[in-house]
Amino acid sequence: MSKYLDFFKTVGKSKKLPRTGWIREKIKNPESAAEHSFRVGVLSMILAEKLEVEKDKLMKMALIHDLGEAVTGDLVWIRWGVVDLKARGKKEEQEIRGVIKLFSGIEEGKKYIKIFEEMILRSTKEARLFWQIDKLEMALQALEYEEEQGKNLDEFFATADLYVKHPVLREIFDEILSQRPAAKQRKIGYESS
């Protein structure tokens, strides 16, 4: 059972791993990778039926999507809605190695490695929608930081705007945009899909 204890201890590191994008923006007490994954999991659980996808798989993706960072650290590959494909590829490659290292120590690991690879390859409806949910959660967190800390986090909304396309998710994203403190002071031109 020590292999499971080692696995769980490594997973626990994500509770202390602050998200790099928030550190860069000098957010006080930035969320950890685990906190982000938790809310992505809740969003996945609640929205899976409306999205007409397999809830179990979507929730597994939410729980494991940043676990590789417990081994590799958090890397940023997108700024102002501009995707650095080379940096994204490097991050995904490192995270796959991290996930393989992490999950190879437990007997159930192969099935989670397979789900992670499916997610990275965006090879299923669940995987493609997962990334939209991930960015939707990021936008929600950015809204909370703007409200709590008086920050202007336009960059994070521009990134989410690139990803969040499904009508159900877009409706939530548009509501997030309408609640931004900056939106109340000036018009912000994100287009609804």
C-alpha atoms as a PDB file:
ATOM      1  CA  MET A   1       0.000   0.000   0.000  1.00  0.00           C
ATOM      2  CA  SER A   2       2.992   2.341   0.233  1.00  0.00           C
ATOM      3  CA  LYS A   3       2.745   2.920  -3.546  1.00  0.00           C
ATOM      4  CA  TYR A   4      -0.711   4.425  -2.956  1.00  0.00           C
ATOM      5  CA  LEU A   5       0.552   6.556  -0.099  1.00  0.00           C
ATOM      6  CA  ASP A   6       3.360   7.883  -2.313  1.00  0.00           C
ATOM      7  CA  PHE A   7       0.814   8.591  -5.065  1.00  0.00           C
ATOM      8  CA  PHE A   8      -1.568  10.426  -2.702  1.00  0.00           C
ATOM      9  CA  LYS A   9       1.280  12.463  -1.194  1.00  0.00           C
ATOM     10  CA  THR A  10       2.431  13.544  -4.644  1.00  0.00           C
ATOM     11  CA  VAL A  11      -1.145  14.456  -5.610  1.00  0.00           C
ATOM     12  CA  GLY A  12      -1.292  16.521  -2.407  1.00  0.00           C
ATOM     13  CA  LYS A  13       1.500  18.741  -3.708  1.00  0.00           C
ATOM     14  CA  SER A  14      -1.041  20.288  -6.074  1.00  0.00           C
ATOM     15  CA  LYS A  15      -2.755  21.818  -3.003  1.00  0.00           C
ATOM     16  CA  LYS A  16       0.363  23.932  -2.467  1.00  0.00           C
ATOM     17  CA  LEU A  17       1.080  24.725  -6.127  1.00  0.00           C
ATOM     18  CA  PRO A  18      -0.150  28.240  -6.911  1.00  0.00           C
ATOM     19  CA  ARG A  19      -1.330  28.908 -10.464  1.00  0.00           C
ATOM     20  CA  THR A  20       1.399  30.699 -12.403  1.00  0.00           C
ATOM     21  CA  GLY A  21      -0.869  33.109 -14.269  1.00  0.00           C
ATOM     22  CA  TRP A  22      -2.215  34.537 -11.016  1.00  0.00           C
ATOM     23  CA  ILE A  23       1.275  34.911  -9.558  1.00  0.00           C
ATOM     24  CA  ARG A  24       2.336  36.814 -12.685  1.00  0.00           C
ATOM     25  CA  GLU A  25      -0.617  39.182 -12.102  1.00  0.00           C
ATOM     26  CA  LYS A  26       0.412  39.651  -8.447  1.00  0.00           C
ATOM     27  CA  ILE A  27      -2.842  38.206  -7.120  1.00  0.00           C
ATOM     28  CA  LYS A  28      -2.844  37.995  -3.326  1.00  0.00           C
ATOM     29  CA  ASN A  29      -3.338  34.410  -2.113  1.00  0.00           C
ATOM     30  CA  PRO A  30      -3.702  32.902  -5.599  1.00  0.00           C
ATOM     31  CA  GLU A  31      -5.633  29.681  -5.988  1.00  0.00           C
ATOM     32  CA  SER A  32      -3.728  26.408  -6.128  1.00  0.00           C
ATOM     33  CA  ALA A  33      -3.862  23.885  -8.959  1.00  0.00           C
ATOM     34  CA  ALA A  34      -6.007  21.686  -6.683  1.00  0.00           C
ATOM     35  CA  GLU A  35      -8.488  24.476  -5.976  1.00  0.00           C
ATOM     36  CA  HIS A  36      -8.835  25.139  -9.696  1.00  0.00           C
ATOM     37  CA  SER A  37      -9.303  21.421 -10.432  1.00  0.00           C
ATOM     38  CA  PHE A  38     -11.926  21.132  -7.694  1.00  0.00           C
ATOM     39  CA  ARG A  39     -14.166  23.777  -9.219  1.00  0.00           C
ATOM     40  CA  VAL A  40     -13.569  22.437 -12.749  1.00  0.00           C
ATOM     41  CA  GLY A  41     -14.806  19.116 -11.316  1.00  0.00           C
ATOM     42  CA  VAL A  42     -17.931  20.684  -9.854  1.00  0.00           C
ATOM     43  CA  LEU A  43     -18.672  22.507 -13.120  1.00  0.00           C
ATOM     44  CA  SER A  44     -18.197  19.214 -14.984  1.00  0.00           C
ATOM     45  CA  MET A  45     -20.482  17.338 -12.599  1.00  0.00           C
ATOM     46  CA  ILE A  46     -23.275  19.905 -12.840  1.00  0.00           C
ATOM     47  CA  LEU A  47     -23.044  20.642 -16.576  1.00  0.00           C
ATOM     48  CA  ALA A  48     -22.331  17.179 -18.058  1.00  0.00           C
ATOM     49  CA  GLU A  49     -25.989  16.344 -18.699  1.00  0.00           C
ATOM     50  CA  LYS A  50     -26.687  19.689 -20.364  1.00  0.00           C
ATOM     51  CA  LEU A  51     -23.594  19.125 -22.526  1.00  0.00           C
ATOM     52  CA  GLU A  52     -24.764  15.580 -23.323  1.00  0.00           C
ATOM     53  CA  VAL A  53     -21.477  13.927 -22.389  1.00  0.00           C
ATOM     54  CA  GLU A  54     -20.392  11.133 -20.079  1.00  0.00           C
ATOM     55  CA  LYS A  55     -20.284  12.711 -16.604  1.00  0.00           C
ATOM     56  CA  ASP A  56     -17.873  10.172 -15.107  1.00  0.00           C
ATOM     57  CA  LYS A  57     -15.274  10.711 -17.826  1.00  0.00           C
ATOM     58  CA  LEU A  58     -15.606  14.504 -17.735  1.00  0.00           C
ATOM     59  CA  MET A  59     -15.157  14.537 -13.950  1.00  0.00           C
ATOM     60  CA  LYS A  60     -12.110  12.276 -14.185  1.00  0.00           C
ATOM     61  CA  MET A  61     -10.593  14.677 -16.703  1.00  0.00           C
ATOM     62  CA  ALA A  62     -11.274  17.564 -14.343  1.00  0.00           C
ATOM     63  CA  LEU A  63      -9.636  15.808 -11.414  1.00  0.00           C
ATOM     64  CA  ILE A  64      -6.523  14.670 -13.261  1.00  0.00           C
ATOM     65  CA  HIS A  65      -5.939  17.471 -15.779  1.00  0.00           C
ATOM     66  CA  ASP A  66      -3.409  19.368 -13.662  1.00  0.00           C
ATOM     67  CA  LEU A  67      -1.958  16.467 -11.656  1.00  0.00           C
ATOM     68  CA  GLY A  68       1.081  16.373 -13.931  1.00  0.00           C
ATOM     69  CA  GLU A  69       1.915  19.812 -12.536  1.00  0.00           C
ATOM     70  CA  ALA A  70       2.512  18.205  -9.131  1.00  0.00           C
ATOM     71  CA  VAL A  71       5.562  16.668 -10.829  1.00  0.00           C
ATOM     72  CA  THR A  72       6.448  19.329 -13.448  1.00  0.00           C
ATOM     73  CA  GLY A  73       5.205  22.645 -12.057  1.00  0.00           C
ATOM     74  CA  ASP A  74       2.735  24.981 -13.801  1.00  0.00           C
ATOM     75  CA  LEU A  75       3.684  26.366 -17.219  1.00  0.00           C
ATOM     76  CA  VAL A  76       1.842  29.125 -19.099  1.00  0.00           C
ATOM     77  CA  TRP A  77       1.430  28.733 -22.869  1.00  0.00           C
ATOM     78  CA  ILE A  78      -1.161  31.344 -23.793  1.00  0.00           C
ATOM     79  CA  ARG A  79      -1.135  35.119 -23.361  1.00  0.00           C
ATOM     80  CA  TRP A  80      -3.775  37.596 -24.501  1.00  0.00           C
ATOM     81  CA  GLY A  81      -5.560  34.924 -26.469  1.00  0.00           C
ATOM     82  CA  VAL A  82      -2.407  34.135 -28.455  1.00  0.00           C
ATOM     83  CA  VAL A  83      -1.578  30.447 -28.332  1.00  0.00           C
ATOM     84  CA  ASP A  84       2.119  29.624 -28.355  1.00  0.00           C
ATOM     85  CA  LEU A  85       1.849  26.177 -29.941  1.00  0.00           C
ATOM     86  CA  LYS A  86       5.476  25.355 -29.190  1.00  0.00           C
ATOM     87  CA  ALA A  87       5.034  26.242 -25.504  1.00  0.00           C
ATOM     88  CA  ARG A  88       1.696  24.396 -25.366  1.00  0.00           C
ATOM     89  CA  GLY A  89       3.302  21.323 -26.899  1.00  0.00           C
ATOM     90  CA  LYS A  90       6.165  21.517 -24.396  1.00  0.00           C
ATOM     91  CA  LYS A  91       3.755  21.880 -21.470  1.00  0.00           C
ATOM     92  CA  GLU A  92       1.600  18.970 -22.661  1.00  0.00           C
ATOM     93  CA  GLU A  93       4.677  16.803 -23.258  1.00  0.00           C
ATOM     94  CA  GLN A  94       6.008  17.548 -19.765  1.00  0.00           C
ATOM     95  CA  GLU A  95       2.613  16.957 -18.190  1.00  0.00           C
ATOM     96  CA  ILE A  96       2.186  13.631 -20.003  1.00  0.00           C
ATOM     97  CA  ARG A  97       5.575  12.577 -18.631  1.00  0.00           C
ATOM     98  CA  GLY A  98       4.518  13.797 -15.186  1.00  0.00           C
ATOM     99  CA  VAL A  99       1.189  11.948 -15.341  1.00  0.00           C
ATOM    100  CA  ILE A 100       2.873   8.758 -16.560  1.00  0.00           C
ATOM    101  CA  LYS A 101       5.417   9.007 -13.742  1.00  0.00           C
ATOM    102  CA  LEU A 102       2.691   9.697 -11.190  1.00  0.00           C
ATOM    103  CA  PHE A 103       0.175   7.061 -12.297  1.00  0.00           C
ATOM    104  CA  SER A 104       2.631   4.309 -13.248  1.00  0.00           C
ATOM    105  CA  GLY A 105       3.137   3.590  -9.561  1.00  0.00           C
ATOM    106  CA  ILE A 106      -0.421   2.340  -9.033  1.00  0.00           C
ATOM    107  CA  GLU A 107      -2.193  -0.573 -10.698  1.00  0.00           C
ATOM    108  CA  GLU A 108      -5.140   1.564 -11.897  1.00  0.00           C
ATOM    109  CA  GLY A 109      -2.759   4.020 -13.499  1.00  0.00           C
ATOM    110  CA  LYS A 110      -3.051   2.885 -17.119  1.00  0.00           C
ATOM    111  CA  LYS A 111      -6.714   3.833 -17.419  1.00  0.00           C
ATOM    112  CA  TYR A 112      -6.029   7.339 -16.081  1.00  0.00           C
ATOM    113  CA  ILE A 113      -3.034   7.796 -18.352  1.00  0.00           C
ATOM    114  CA  LYS A 114      -5.309   6.847 -21.265  1.00  0.00           C
ATOM    115  CA  ILE A 115      -7.925   9.424 -20.185  1.00  0.00           C
ATOM    116  CA  PHE A 116      -5.214  12.063 -19.842  1.00  0.00           C
ATOM    117  CA  GLU A 117      -3.871  11.316 -23.324  1.00  0.00           C
ATOM    118  CA  GLU A 118      -7.421  11.461 -24.746  1.00  0.00           C
ATOM    119  CA  MET A 119      -7.815  14.842 -23.097  1.00  0.00           C
ATOM    120  CA  ILE A 120      -4.508  16.184 -24.455  1.00  0.00           C
ATOM    121  CA  LEU A 121      -5.315  14.912 -27.967  1.00  0.00           C
ATOM    122  CA  ARG A 122      -8.846  16.327 -27.701  1.00  0.00           C
ATOM    123  CA  SER A 123      -9.993  13.110 -29.357  1.00  0.00           C
ATOM    124  CA  THR A 124     -13.499  12.868 -27.853  1.00  0.00           C
ATOM    125  CA  LYS A 125     -16.433  15.191 -27.283  1.00  0.00           C
ATOM    126  CA  GLU A 126     -15.708  15.049 -23.538  1.00  0.00           C
ATOM    127  CA  ALA A 127     -12.093  16.078 -24.089  1.00  0.00           C
ATOM    128  CA  ARG A 128     -12.992  18.989 -26.349  1.00  0.00           C
ATOM    129  CA  LEU A 129     -15.666  20.247 -23.953  1.00  0.00           C
ATOM    130  CA  PHE A 130     -13.378  19.725 -20.991  1.00  0.00           C
ATOM    131  CA  TRP A 131     -10.978  22.427 -22.232  1.00  0.00           C
ATOM    132  CA  GLN A 132     -13.879  24.832 -22.591  1.00  0.00           C
ATOM    133  CA  ILE A 133     -14.922  24.144 -18.988  1.00  0.00           C
ATOM    134  CA  ASP A 134     -11.314  24.611 -17.847  1.00  0.00           C
ATOM    135  CA  LYS A 135     -11.204  28.079 -19.425  1.00  0.00           C
ATOM    136  CA  LEU A 136     -14.695  28.920 -18.161  1.00  0.00           C
ATOM    137  CA  GLU A 137     -13.523  28.221 -14.610  1.00  0.00           C
ATOM    138  CA  MET A 138     -10.472  30.417 -15.218  1.00  0.00           C
ATOM    139  CA  ALA A 139     -12.765  33.272 -16.294  1.00  0.00           C
ATOM    140  CA  LEU A 140     -14.914  32.788 -13.195  1.00  0.00           C
ATOM    141  CA  GLN A 141     -11.806  32.932 -11.005  1.00  0.00           C
ATOM    142  CA  ALA A 142     -10.635  36.061 -12.834  1.00  0.00           C
ATOM    143  CA  LEU A 143     -14.015  37.681 -12.155  1.00  0.00           C
ATOM    144  CA  GLU A 144     -13.660  36.911  -8.454  1.00  0.00           C
ATOM    145  CA  TYR A 145     -10.144  38.372  -8.359  1.00  0.00           C
ATOM    146  CA  GLU A 146     -11.321  41.520 -10.157  1.00  0.00           C
ATOM    147  CA  GLU A 147     -14.145  41.929  -7.635  1.00  0.00           C
ATOM    148  CA  GLU A 148     -12.006  41.150  -4.572  1.00  0.00           C
ATOM    149  CA  GLN A 149      -8.716  42.792  -5.502  1.00  0.00           C
ATOM    150  CA  GLY A 150      -9.634  45.528  -7.963  1.00  0.00           C
ATOM    151  CA  LYS A 151      -7.504  43.997 -10.723  1.00  0.00           C
ATOM    152  CA  ASN A 152      -8.074  44.275 -14.460  1.00  0.00           C
ATOM    153  CA  LEU A 153      -7.620  40.780 -15.851  1.00  0.00           C
ATOM    154  CA  ASP A 154      -8.710  41.321 -19.468  1.00  0.00           C
ATOM    155  CA  GLU A 155      -6.099  38.844 -20.702  1.00  0.00           C
ATOM    156  CA  PHE A 156      -7.799  35.915 -18.966  1.00  0.00           C
ATOM    157  CA  PHE A 157     -11.190  36.807 -20.425  1.00  0.00           C
ATOM    158  CA  ALA A 158      -9.678  37.128 -23.913  1.00  0.00           C
ATOM    159  CA  THR A 159      -8.216  33.632 -23.540  1.00  0.00           C
ATOM    160  CA  ALA A 160     -11.514  32.168 -22.328  1.00  0.00           C
ATOM    161  CA  ASP A 161     -13.286  33.925 -25.193  1.00  0.00           C
ATOM    162  CA  LEU A 162     -11.152  31.913 -27.635  1.00  0.00           C
ATOM    163  CA  TYR A 163     -12.144  28.583 -26.086  1.00  0.00           C
ATOM    164  CA  VAL A 164     -15.661  28.801 -24.712  1.00  0.00           C
ATOM    165  CA  LYS A 165     -17.909  28.052 -27.693  1.00  0.00           C
ATOM    166  CA  HIS A 166     -20.597  25.548 -26.636  1.00  0.00           C
ATOM    167  CA  PRO A 167     -23.903  27.469 -26.225  1.00  0.00           C
ATOM    168  CA  VAL A 168     -24.470  26.252 -22.650  1.00  0.00           C
ATOM    169  CA  LEU A 169     -20.972  27.273 -21.578  1.00  0.00           C
ATOM    170  CA  ARG A 170     -21.074  30.462 -23.617  1.00  0.00           C
ATOM    171  CA  GLU A 171     -24.214  31.583 -21.815  1.00  0.00           C
ATOM    172  CA  ILE A 172     -22.394  31.249 -18.484  1.00  0.00           C
ATOM    173  CA  PHE A 173     -19.307  32.988 -19.881  1.00  0.00           C
ATOM    174  CA  ASP A 174     -21.420  35.901 -21.142  1.00  0.00           C
ATOM    175  CA  GLU A 175     -22.963  36.217 -17.666  1.00  0.00           C
ATOM    176  CA  ILE A 176     -19.453  36.284 -16.162  1.00  0.00           C
ATOM    177  CA  LEU A 177     -18.484  39.072 -18.577  1.00  0.00           C
ATOM    178  CA  SER A 178     -21.582  41.086 -17.694  1.00  0.00           C
ATOM    179  CA  GLN A 179     -20.663  40.974 -14.006  1.00  0.00           C
ATOM    180  CA  ARG A 180     -17.097  42.217 -14.424  1.00  0.00           C
ATOM    181  CA  PRO A 181     -16.442  45.435 -12.509  1.00  0.00           C
ATOM    182  CA  ALA A 182     -14.717  46.785 -15.645  1.00  0.00           C
ATOM    183  CA  ALA A 183     -17.864  46.044 -17.694  1.00  0.00           C
ATOM    184  CA  LYS A 184     -19.843  48.348 -15.458  1.00  0.00           C
ATOM    185  CA  GLN A 185     -17.411  51.223 -16.111  1.00  0.00           C
ATOM    186  CA  ARG A 186     -16.893  50.723 -19.853  1.00  0.00           C
ATOM    187  CA  LYS A 187     -18.168  48.550 -22.674  1.00  0.00           C
ATOM    188  CA  ILE A 188     -16.085  45.430 -23.225  1.00  0.00           C
ATOM    189  CA  GLY A 189     -16.407  43.943 -26.682  1.00  0.00           C
ATOM    190  CA  TYR A 190     -16.385  40.186 -26.423  1.00  0.00           C
ATOM    191  CA  GLU A 191     -18.662  38.615 -28.964  1.00  0.00           C
ATOM    192  CA  SER A 192     -21.233  36.023 -28.059  1.00  0.00           C
ATOM    193  CA  SER A 193     -21.212  32.955 -30.261  1.00  0.00           C
END
